[in-house]
Protein backbone atom coordinates (compact mmCIF):
# COMPACT_ATOMS: atom_id res chain seq x y z
CA MET A 1 64.68 -85.41 -16.91
CA LYS A 2 64.73 -81.81 -15.68
CA GLN A 3 61.79 -82.48 -13.39
CA GLY A 4 63.63 -85.50 -12.00
CA ARG A 5 66.70 -83.40 -11.14
CA ILE A 6 64.52 -80.78 -9.45
CA ALA A 7 62.78 -83.47 -7.38
CA PHE A 8 66.17 -84.96 -6.44
CA TYR A 9 67.60 -81.62 -5.31
CA PHE A 10 64.39 -80.77 -3.46
CA GLY A 11 64.47 -84.12 -1.66
CA PHE A 12 68.17 -83.72 -0.89
CA VAL A 13 67.59 -80.29 0.70
CA ILE A 14 64.75 -81.70 2.81
CA PHE A 15 66.94 -84.62 3.93
CA ILE A 16 69.84 -82.34 4.90
CA THR A 17 67.48 -80.05 6.81
CA LEU A 18 65.86 -82.94 8.67
CA PHE A 19 69.23 -84.50 9.45
CA ASN A 20 70.81 -81.29 10.67
CA PHE A 21 67.92 -80.05 12.82
CA TYR A 22 66.23 -83.27 13.95
CA LEU A 23 68.17 -86.48 13.24
CA ARG A 24 71.86 -85.69 13.62
CA PRO A 25 73.50 -87.72 16.45
CA VAL A 26 74.24 -85.62 19.55
CA VAL A 27 76.49 -85.87 22.59
CA GLY A 28 73.56 -85.47 24.96
CA ASN A 29 73.29 -84.40 28.59
CA PRO A 30 75.70 -86.59 30.61
CA LEU A 31 73.43 -86.37 33.68
CA VAL A 32 70.47 -87.92 31.88
CA THR A 33 71.35 -91.57 32.45
CA GLU A 34 69.27 -94.64 31.68
CA GLU A 35 68.51 -94.89 35.40
CA TYR A 36 67.22 -91.32 35.45
CA LYS A 37 65.03 -92.02 32.44
CA GLU A 38 63.20 -94.62 34.53
CA SER A 39 62.38 -92.07 37.26
CA THR A 40 59.20 -90.01 37.56
CA SER A 41 61.28 -86.82 37.23
CA TYR A 42 62.26 -87.58 33.62
CA ILE A 43 60.56 -85.57 30.87
CA ASN A 44 63.13 -85.55 28.04
CA ASP A 45 66.86 -85.82 27.41
CA LEU A 46 67.53 -82.09 27.69
CA TYR A 47 67.71 -81.79 31.46
CA TYR A 48 68.20 -83.68 34.71
CA SER A 49 65.84 -82.41 37.41
CA ASP A 50 66.19 -83.26 41.08
CA GLU A 51 62.80 -81.54 41.60
CA TYR A 52 64.39 -79.45 44.31
CA PHE A 53 61.55 -76.95 44.67
CA LYS A 54 58.88 -79.64 44.68
CA LEU A 55 60.59 -81.08 47.76
CA LYS A 56 61.06 -77.68 49.38
CA LEU A 57 57.67 -76.08 48.72
CA LEU A 58 55.20 -78.96 48.90
CA LEU A 59 54.16 -81.66 51.34
CA PRO A 60 54.12 -85.25 50.02
CA GLU A 61 50.31 -85.31 50.01
CA ASP A 62 50.38 -82.35 47.61
CA TYR A 63 52.86 -83.78 45.12
CA HIS A 64 49.99 -84.97 42.92
CA ILE A 65 49.11 -81.34 42.09
CA TYR A 66 52.65 -80.72 40.85
CA GLU A 67 52.59 -83.96 38.86
CA GLU A 68 49.19 -83.22 37.33
CA ILE A 69 50.33 -79.79 36.18
CA ILE A 70 53.25 -81.45 34.37
CA GLN A 71 51.19 -84.26 32.84
CA ASN A 72 48.40 -81.97 31.66
CA SER A 73 50.96 -79.76 29.94
CA ILE A 74 52.49 -82.78 28.22
CA ASP A 75 49.02 -84.03 27.23
CA ASP A 76 48.06 -80.58 25.94
CA ASN A 77 44.85 -80.43 27.95
CA ALA A 78 43.28 -77.00 27.57
CA GLU A 79 41.14 -76.99 30.73
CA VAL A 80 42.16 -78.91 33.82
CA THR A 81 40.48 -79.56 37.17
CA ILE A 82 42.58 -80.75 40.11
CA LYS A 83 41.04 -82.07 43.31
CA CYS A 84 42.49 -81.07 46.66
CA GLU A 85 42.11 -82.35 50.19
CA LYS A 86 41.82 -78.76 51.42
CA GLU A 87 41.69 -75.21 50.15
CA CYS A 88 44.29 -75.41 47.45
CA LYS A 89 44.90 -72.01 45.83
CA GLU A 90 48.14 -71.43 47.77
CA ILE A 91 49.30 -75.01 47.22
CA PHE A 92 48.45 -74.86 43.53
CA LEU A 93 50.41 -71.65 43.03
CA LYS A 94 53.42 -73.10 44.86
CA ALA A 95 53.22 -76.25 42.73
CA TYR A 96 52.96 -74.11 39.60
CA ASP A 97 56.08 -72.12 40.57
CA ALA A 98 57.91 -75.33 41.48
CA VAL A 99 57.25 -76.78 38.03
CA TYR A 100 58.52 -73.55 36.48
CA LEU A 101 61.76 -73.77 38.48
CA ASP A 102 62.31 -77.54 38.41
CA HIS A 103 61.56 -78.33 34.76
CA PRO A 104 62.89 -75.81 32.21
CA GLU A 105 62.95 -78.71 29.74
CA LEU A 106 59.13 -78.91 29.77
CA ILE A 107 58.74 -76.94 26.56
CA SER A 108 54.95 -77.41 26.46
CA PHE A 109 54.58 -75.57 29.80
CA LEU A 110 53.76 -72.08 28.58
CA GLY A 111 51.81 -70.74 31.51
CA ILE A 112 48.25 -70.53 32.82
CA GLY A 113 45.68 -68.19 31.33
CA SER A 114 43.26 -68.22 34.28
CA TYR A 115 42.14 -70.31 37.24
CA LEU A 116 39.16 -70.68 39.56
CA GLU A 117 39.02 -72.21 43.04
CA GLY A 118 36.05 -73.83 44.73
CA ASN A 119 34.83 -76.95 46.55
CA ASN A 120 38.34 -78.18 47.28
CA GLU A 121 39.31 -78.12 43.62
CA ILE A 122 40.97 -75.74 41.25
CA THR A 123 40.24 -75.37 37.53
CA TYR A 124 42.75 -73.71 35.24
CA ASN A 125 43.40 -73.15 31.55
CA ASN A 126 46.72 -73.97 29.94
CA MET A 127 47.95 -71.12 27.77
CA ASN A 128 48.12 -72.05 24.08
CA ASN A 129 50.11 -75.24 24.48
CA LEU A 130 52.32 -76.46 21.67
CA GLY A 131 50.74 -79.85 21.12
CA LYS A 132 52.53 -83.19 21.18
CA ILE A 133 53.96 -83.08 17.65
CA ARG A 134 55.48 -79.61 17.98
CA SER A 135 56.80 -80.52 21.42
CA LEU A 136 58.46 -83.66 20.05
CA PHE A 137 60.10 -81.98 17.09
CA GLY A 138 60.92 -78.90 19.15
CA THR A 139 62.79 -81.06 21.66
CA MET A 140 64.73 -82.77 18.88
CA ARG A 141 65.67 -79.40 17.41
CA ILE A 142 66.78 -78.06 20.80
CA GLU A 143 68.93 -81.13 21.46
CA ARG A 144 70.90 -80.36 18.31
CA GLU A 145 71.25 -76.68 19.11
CA ILE A 146 72.64 -77.55 22.55
CA ASP A 147 74.97 -80.09 20.96
CA ILE A 148 76.56 -77.24 18.99
CA VAL A 149 77.03 -75.27 22.22
CA GLN A 150 78.59 -78.30 23.92
CA ARG A 151 81.11 -78.71 21.13
CA GLU A 152 81.99 -75.01 21.01
CA THR A 153 82.55 -74.80 24.80
CA LYS A 154 84.25 -78.17 25.25
CA ASP A 155 87.74 -76.78 25.94
CA MET A 156 86.71 -73.51 27.63
CA THR A 157 87.36 -72.49 31.22
CA ASP A 158 84.36 -71.88 33.50
CA LYS A 159 84.78 -68.13 33.03
CA GLU A 160 84.79 -68.52 29.25
CA LYS A 161 81.73 -70.79 29.41
CA ILE A 162 79.73 -68.31 31.51
CA LEU A 163 80.59 -65.44 29.18
CA TYR A 164 79.81 -67.62 26.17
CA VAL A 165 76.33 -68.43 27.52
CA TYR A 166 75.69 -64.77 28.33
CA ASP A 167 76.65 -63.68 24.82
CA TYR A 168 74.76 -66.58 23.26
CA ILE A 169 71.52 -65.78 25.09
CA ALA A 170 71.90 -62.04 24.54
CA SER A 171 72.28 -62.51 20.78
CA HIS A 172 68.61 -63.55 20.65
CA THR A 173 65.75 -61.08 20.33
CA TYR A 174 63.46 -59.91 23.11
CA ASP A 175 59.96 -60.87 21.97
CA SER A 176 57.38 -58.32 23.10
CA ILE A 177 54.83 -59.20 20.40
CA PHE A 178 53.81 -62.57 21.84
CA MET A 179 54.27 -61.71 25.51
CA HIS A 180 50.64 -62.41 26.32
CA PHE A 181 50.24 -65.58 24.28
CA GLY A 182 52.56 -67.84 26.27
CA ILE A 183 54.65 -69.35 23.48
CA ASN A 184 57.72 -67.38 24.54
CA GLN A 185 57.51 -68.54 28.17
CA SER A 186 59.45 -71.72 27.39
CA ILE A 187 62.68 -72.55 25.61
CA TYR A 188 60.74 -73.45 22.47
CA SER A 189 60.61 -69.89 21.15
CA PHE A 190 64.21 -69.21 22.15
CA PHE A 191 65.74 -72.15 20.29
CA THR A 192 63.35 -72.44 17.33
CA LYS A 193 62.38 -68.82 16.69
CA GLY A 194 65.43 -66.95 18.02
CA SER A 195 63.33 -64.78 20.32
CA SER A 196 61.85 -65.00 23.80
CA VAL A 197 61.31 -63.13 27.07
CA CYS A 198 62.99 -63.45 30.46
CA ALA A 199 61.46 -66.87 31.23
CA GLY A 200 62.70 -68.36 27.95
CA PHE A 201 66.14 -66.76 28.35
CA ALA A 202 66.58 -67.98 31.94
CA LYS A 203 65.35 -71.51 31.19
CA ALA A 204 67.60 -71.75 28.14
CA ALA A 205 70.59 -70.61 30.22
CA GLN A 206 69.72 -73.15 32.93
CA ILE A 207 69.63 -76.05 30.48
CA ILE A 208 72.77 -74.96 28.67
CA PHE A 209 74.71 -74.53 31.92
CA GLN A 210 73.86 -78.06 33.02
CA ASN A 211 74.82 -79.50 29.64
CA ILE A 212 78.25 -77.83 29.75
CA GLY A 213 79.05 -78.54 33.40
CA ILE A 214 78.22 -75.28 35.18
CA ASN A 215 76.02 -75.34 38.30
CA SER A 216 73.15 -72.86 38.35
CA TYR A 217 69.63 -72.21 39.64
CA LEU A 218 66.54 -70.69 38.08
CA VAL A 219 65.18 -67.72 40.04
CA LEU A 220 61.62 -66.44 39.87
CA SER A 221 60.18 -63.15 41.12
CA ASP A 222 56.73 -61.68 40.66
CA ASN A 223 57.52 -60.31 37.22
CA HIS A 224 60.95 -61.61 36.18
CA MET A 225 63.12 -64.71 35.84
CA TRP A 226 66.91 -65.06 35.87
CA ASN A 227 69.69 -67.37 37.17
CA TYR A 228 72.15 -67.78 39.98
CA VAL A 229 75.35 -69.30 38.59
CA GLU A 230 78.26 -70.88 40.44
CA TYR A 231 81.80 -69.71 39.82
CA GLU A 232 84.75 -70.92 41.91
CA GLY A 233 82.48 -72.19 44.69
CA LYS A 234 80.32 -69.05 45.00
CA TYR A 235 76.99 -68.08 43.44
CA TYR A 236 76.38 -64.89 41.48
CA ILE A 237 73.53 -63.13 39.68
CA PHE A 238 73.29 -63.96 35.98
CA ASP A 239 70.56 -62.18 34.00
CA ALA A 240 71.10 -62.52 30.26
CA THR A 241 67.85 -60.65 29.59
CA TYR A 242 69.86 -57.55 30.47
CA GLY A 243 72.25 -58.43 27.67
CA THR A 244 69.44 -58.76 25.12
CA THR A 245 68.42 -55.21 25.96
CA PHE A 246 71.88 -53.77 25.36
CA TYR A 247 73.18 -56.07 22.63
CA ASP A 248 74.79 -53.11 20.91
CA ASN A 249 77.77 -53.80 23.23
CA SER A 250 77.31 -50.55 25.12
CA ALA A 251 78.89 -50.11 28.53
CA ARG A 252 75.74 -51.56 30.13
CA TYR A 253 75.79 -54.79 28.12
CA TYR A 254 77.36 -56.97 30.84
CA ASN A 255 75.38 -55.45 33.72
CA GLY A 256 73.38 -58.68 33.80
CA LEU A 257 76.44 -60.27 35.40
CA GLY A 258 75.68 -58.35 38.56
CA MET A 259 72.09 -57.11 38.54
CA THR A 260 68.72 -57.91 37.02
CA THR A 261 66.66 -55.88 34.60
CA THR A 262 64.13 -55.17 37.35
CA GLY A 263 66.68 -54.36 40.06
CA VAL A 264 65.37 -57.26 42.17
CA THR A 265 68.19 -59.55 43.35
CA GLU A 266 66.29 -62.08 45.47
CA GLY A 267 63.69 -64.51 44.18
CA LEU A 268 60.38 -65.63 45.64
CA PHE A 269 61.94 -68.49 47.58
CA ASN A 270 65.33 -67.03 48.37
CA GLU A 271 65.63 -68.96 51.65
CA TYR A 272 66.13 -72.14 49.62
CA TYR A 273 69.07 -70.89 47.53
CA PRO A 274 72.77 -70.85 48.39
CA GLU A 275 74.06 -67.54 49.70
CA ILE A 276 74.51 -65.12 46.81
CA GLU A 277 77.60 -62.94 46.50
CA THR A 278 76.64 -59.28 46.67
CA GLU A 279 79.92 -57.49 47.36
CA THR A 280 81.55 -58.73 44.16
CA THR A 281 79.87 -59.48 40.81
CA LEU A 282 80.87 -61.63 37.88
CA LYS A 283 81.12 -58.43 35.83
CA GLU A 284 83.80 -57.16 38.21
CA LEU A 285 85.56 -60.53 38.52
CA PHE A 286 85.67 -60.99 34.75
CA GLY A 287 86.61 -57.38 34.02
CA VAL A 288 83.99 -56.93 31.31
């Protein structure tokens, strides 16, 4: 009898955990329509991608490189060889960056460990991918975390939403331990482990902003990643990694609403972004 009660309680706890983290119904991203799910841009329900940087950085004959990078991440292929019609190192690196910027929802895309070029082909190694099962359950878990954010921000103004996202991201831990292993380069570590680095923070912010109705862009430099966020028709710097560094609520905590942790304000492909406000910052506008 006692063993039966223990088994019942144990099973009940497991059911509640599974329901809360993986099975609970969610509002979902309103931009991810059934029509979008039929497109080649669709990866999962977290994010709608217009593949803006694919269109800006690559020629149509090079789209297959971009698409193969995505598919090989999804398929968890450790070593990949991509054929090119010409010398393809520059094209490959542009396609790689475009995937980074276009698809923050690709949680299995953790980075590339190394690559070699030769004979009109490039061979690269995916960095410690998650695998299909972890990617599936990770996506389900993230959907339910974002659902909580959607509900909590439902009646907020745009200013309140932006500050909410900044505080939400900054409340997570900067993960220096696994910096070189790749797992913190996607939103997986941010939402499931509570820690990440700039790439995970920026991608998480990008996905959250879209799900709560705020326009934003991902921005990539040589050694950092952050966002440009729209407020009242203008775009501003938003770097929540700054907030994670000063989460003790010191005077520097909200500096990420005006500058980046590296001091760089323009990304690798800045000519393709809207004009960024530099005379006034969100920190000044919001009085924080």
